[in-house]
Amino acid sequence: MDKVIIDINDIVYSYYMSSKNFSSTQKIPHSATEHNKLTKVTSGYMEIEEFKNSDTHRGYFCYNCEYFIEPNHCMIVTDEGQDLHGKVSGSILPYAVCSLWSPNEKEIK
């Protein structure tokens, strides 16, 4: 009896290819999008003055994050309140960092 070896990557790829032209008709409930933004402290947000003049296209800066909204906002972290160091700026600064960072492939070098 010969053993058959199945590669899970082949299975996933074939499911992906077979559903490539599929589009869901289901909508995300409006109530699911009505959450408050996270506080700067909760997100681990820090404004580090030493990075103020850095090339924000390189590194884990807010500017390179997919949640960053130019010029100084974030989709998921509030502009209000203090950061981890107690600093209150009223903005999400491009040279700041937080623990929720997710790369924006269009901006990062």
C-alpha atoms as a PDB file:
ATOM      1  CA  MET A   1       0.000   0.000   0.000  1.00  0.00           C
ATOM      2  CA  ASP A   2       1.492   3.331  -1.085  1.00  0.00           C
ATOM      3  CA  LYS A   3       1.252   6.321   1.221  1.00  0.00           C
ATOM      4  CA  VAL A   4      -0.168   9.514  -0.216  1.00  0.00           C
ATOM      5  CA  ILE A   5       1.334  12.718   1.103  1.00  0.00           C
ATOM      6  CA  ILE A   6      -0.992  15.707   1.027  1.00  0.00           C
ATOM      7  CA  ASP A   7       0.463  19.183   1.186  1.00  0.00           C
ATOM      8  CA  ILE A   8      -1.872  21.542   3.077  1.00  0.00           C
ATOM      9  CA  ASN A   9      -0.522  24.477   1.042  1.00  0.00           C
ATOM     10  CA  ASP A  10      -1.817  22.846  -2.147  1.00  0.00           C
ATOM     11  CA  ILE A  11      -5.270  22.459  -0.603  1.00  0.00           C
ATOM     12  CA  VAL A  12      -5.408  26.053   0.632  1.00  0.00           C
ATOM     13  CA  TYR A  13      -4.165  27.347  -2.719  1.00  0.00           C
ATOM     14  CA  SER A  14      -6.789  25.423  -4.658  1.00  0.00           C
ATOM     15  CA  TYR A  15      -9.573  26.702  -2.369  1.00  0.00           C
ATOM     16  CA  TYR A  16      -8.236  30.212  -2.797  1.00  0.00           C
ATOM     17  CA  MET A  17      -8.160  29.905  -6.586  1.00  0.00           C
ATOM     18  CA  SER A  18     -11.677  28.449  -6.726  1.00  0.00           C
ATOM     19  CA  SER A  19     -13.112  31.316  -4.643  1.00  0.00           C
ATOM     20  CA  LYS A  20     -11.111  34.092  -6.285  1.00  0.00           C
ATOM     21  CA  ASN A  21     -14.107  35.511  -8.161  1.00  0.00           C
ATOM     22  CA  PHE A  22     -16.466  35.195  -5.221  1.00  0.00           C
ATOM     23  CA  SER A  23     -17.754  38.322  -3.498  1.00  0.00           C
ATOM     24  CA  SER A  24     -19.818  38.252  -0.322  1.00  0.00           C
ATOM     25  CA  THR A  25     -23.200  39.948  -0.245  1.00  0.00           C
ATOM     26  CA  GLN A  26     -23.269  40.124   3.553  1.00  0.00           C
ATOM     27  CA  LYS A  27     -22.761  43.510   5.197  1.00  0.00           C
ATOM     28  CA  ILE A  28     -20.949  44.328   8.436  1.00  0.00           C
ATOM     29  CA  PRO A  29     -23.581  45.493  10.934  1.00  0.00           C
ATOM     30  CA  HIS A  30     -23.442  49.241  11.540  1.00  0.00           C
ATOM     31  CA  SER A  31     -23.309  48.634  15.294  1.00  0.00           C
ATOM     32  CA  ALA A  32     -20.046  46.720  14.824  1.00  0.00           C
ATOM     33  CA  THR A  33     -18.364  49.906  13.620  1.00  0.00           C
ATOM     34  CA  GLU A  34     -19.561  52.122  16.473  1.00  0.00           C
ATOM     35  CA  HIS A  35     -16.726  51.485  18.905  1.00  0.00           C
ATOM     36  CA  ASN A  36     -14.688  54.167  20.644  1.00  0.00           C
ATOM     37  CA  LYS A  37     -11.106  54.615  19.579  1.00  0.00           C
ATOM     38  CA  LEU A  38      -8.442  53.312  21.943  1.00  0.00           C
ATOM     39  CA  THR A  39      -6.649  55.720  24.250  1.00  0.00           C
ATOM     40  CA  LYS A  40      -3.018  56.530  23.618  1.00  0.00           C
ATOM     41  CA  VAL A  41      -2.008  54.757  26.844  1.00  0.00           C
ATOM     42  CA  THR A  42      -4.015  51.604  26.009  1.00  0.00           C
ATOM     43  CA  SER A  43      -2.366  51.408  22.571  1.00  0.00           C
ATOM     44  CA  GLY A  44       1.143  51.977  23.934  1.00  0.00           C
ATOM     45  CA  TYR A  45       1.431  55.253  21.983  1.00  0.00           C
ATOM     46  CA  MET A  46       4.611  57.278  22.593  1.00  0.00           C
ATOM     47  CA  GLU A  47       5.811  60.550  21.107  1.00  0.00           C
ATOM     48  CA  ILE A  48       9.586  60.353  21.091  1.00  0.00           C
ATOM     49  CA  GLU A  49      11.065  63.796  20.414  1.00  0.00           C
ATOM     50  CA  GLU A  50      14.420  62.290  19.392  1.00  0.00           C
ATOM     51  CA  PHE A  51      12.648  60.886  16.290  1.00  0.00           C
ATOM     52  CA  LYS A  52      11.038  64.206  15.325  1.00  0.00           C
ATOM     53  CA  ASN A  53      13.434  64.824  12.413  1.00  0.00           C
ATOM     54  CA  SER A  54      13.756  61.179  11.360  1.00  0.00           C
ATOM     55  CA  ASP A  55      12.890  59.776   7.946  1.00  0.00           C
ATOM     56  CA  THR A  56       9.440  58.488   8.891  1.00  0.00           C
ATOM     57  CA  HIS A  57       9.339  56.333   5.749  1.00  0.00           C
ATOM     58  CA  ARG A  58      11.790  54.005   7.501  1.00  0.00           C
ATOM     59  CA  GLY A  59      10.980  52.197  10.717  1.00  0.00           C
ATOM     60  CA  TYR A  60       7.987  51.540  12.921  1.00  0.00           C
ATOM     61  CA  PHE A  61       6.623  55.089  12.930  1.00  0.00           C
ATOM     62  CA  CYS A  62       2.936  56.009  12.877  1.00  0.00           C
ATOM     63  CA  TYR A  63       3.515  57.522   9.429  1.00  0.00           C
ATOM     64  CA  ASN A  64       4.212  54.032   8.056  1.00  0.00           C
ATOM     65  CA  CYS A  65       1.187  52.446   9.707  1.00  0.00           C
ATOM     66  CA  GLU A  66      -1.885  51.429   7.734  1.00  0.00           C
ATOM     67  CA  TYR A  67      -4.063  53.107  10.392  1.00  0.00           C
ATOM     68  CA  PHE A  68      -2.389  56.523  10.097  1.00  0.00           C
ATOM     69  CA  ILE A  69      -4.480  59.327   8.553  1.00  0.00           C
ATOM     70  CA  GLU A  70      -2.432  62.286   7.357  1.00  0.00           C
ATOM     71  CA  PRO A  71      -1.602  64.788   8.645  1.00  0.00           C
ATOM     72  CA  ASN A  72      -1.969  63.724  12.313  1.00  0.00           C
ATOM     73  CA  HIS A  73      -4.748  61.231  13.056  1.00  0.00           C
ATOM     74  CA  CYS A  74      -5.250  57.494  13.508  1.00  0.00           C
ATOM     75  CA  MET A  75      -8.182  55.259  12.602  1.00  0.00           C
ATOM     76  CA  ILE A  76      -8.055  53.341  15.893  1.00  0.00           C
ATOM     77  CA  VAL A  77      -6.219  55.524  18.443  1.00  0.00           C
ATOM     78  CA  THR A  78      -7.719  58.801  19.701  1.00  0.00           C
ATOM     79  CA  ASP A  79      -5.901  62.123  19.297  1.00  0.00           C
ATOM     80  CA  GLU A  80      -6.967  63.086  22.823  1.00  0.00           C
ATOM     81  CA  GLY A  81      -5.263  62.401  26.125  1.00  0.00           C
ATOM     82  CA  GLN A  82      -1.747  61.649  27.213  1.00  0.00           C
ATOM     83  CA  ASP A  83       0.779  59.205  25.814  1.00  0.00           C
ATOM     84  CA  LEU A  84       2.775  56.699  27.891  1.00  0.00           C
ATOM     85  CA  HIS A  85       5.134  59.492  28.988  1.00  0.00           C
ATOM     86  CA  GLY A  86       2.293  61.772  30.123  1.00  0.00           C
ATOM     87  CA  LYS A  87       2.665  64.127  27.153  1.00  0.00           C
ATOM     88  CA  VAL A  88      -0.546  65.640  25.731  1.00  0.00           C
ATOM     89  CA  SER A  89      -0.292  66.895  22.138  1.00  0.00           C
ATOM     90  CA  GLY A  90      -3.853  66.557  20.806  1.00  0.00           C
ATOM     91  CA  SER A  91      -2.503  64.770  17.724  1.00  0.00           C
ATOM     92  CA  ILE A  92      -1.157  61.492  16.439  1.00  0.00           C
ATOM     93  CA  LEU A  93       2.296  62.489  15.271  1.00  0.00           C
ATOM     94  CA  PRO A  94       3.978  60.866  12.261  1.00  0.00           C
ATOM     95  CA  TYR A  95       7.180  60.146  14.229  1.00  0.00           C
ATOM     96  CA  ALA A  96       5.353  58.524  17.167  1.00  0.00           C
ATOM     97  CA  VAL A  97       5.080  54.763  17.758  1.00  0.00           C
ATOM     98  CA  CYS A  98       2.522  52.388  19.302  1.00  0.00           C
ATOM     99  CA  SER A  99       2.022  48.678  19.889  1.00  0.00           C
ATOM    100  CA  LEU A 100      -0.723  48.374  17.237  1.00  0.00           C
ATOM    101  CA  TRP A 101       1.543  49.295  14.332  1.00  0.00           C
ATOM    102  CA  SER A 102       0.769  47.505  11.080  1.00  0.00           C
ATOM    103  CA  PRO A 103       2.876  48.251   7.988  1.00  0.00           C
ATOM    104  CA  ASN A 104       1.498  50.416   5.210  1.00  0.00           C
ATOM    105  CA  GLU A 105       3.221  48.840   2.220  1.00  0.00           C
ATOM    106  CA  LYS A 106       2.634  51.990   0.126  1.00  0.00           C
ATOM    107  CA  GLU A 107       4.621  54.211   2.492  1.00  0.00           C
ATOM    108  CA  ILE A 108       7.334  52.100   4.113  1.00  0.00           C
ATOM    109  CA  LYS A 109      10.785  51.904   2.528  1.00  0.00           C
END
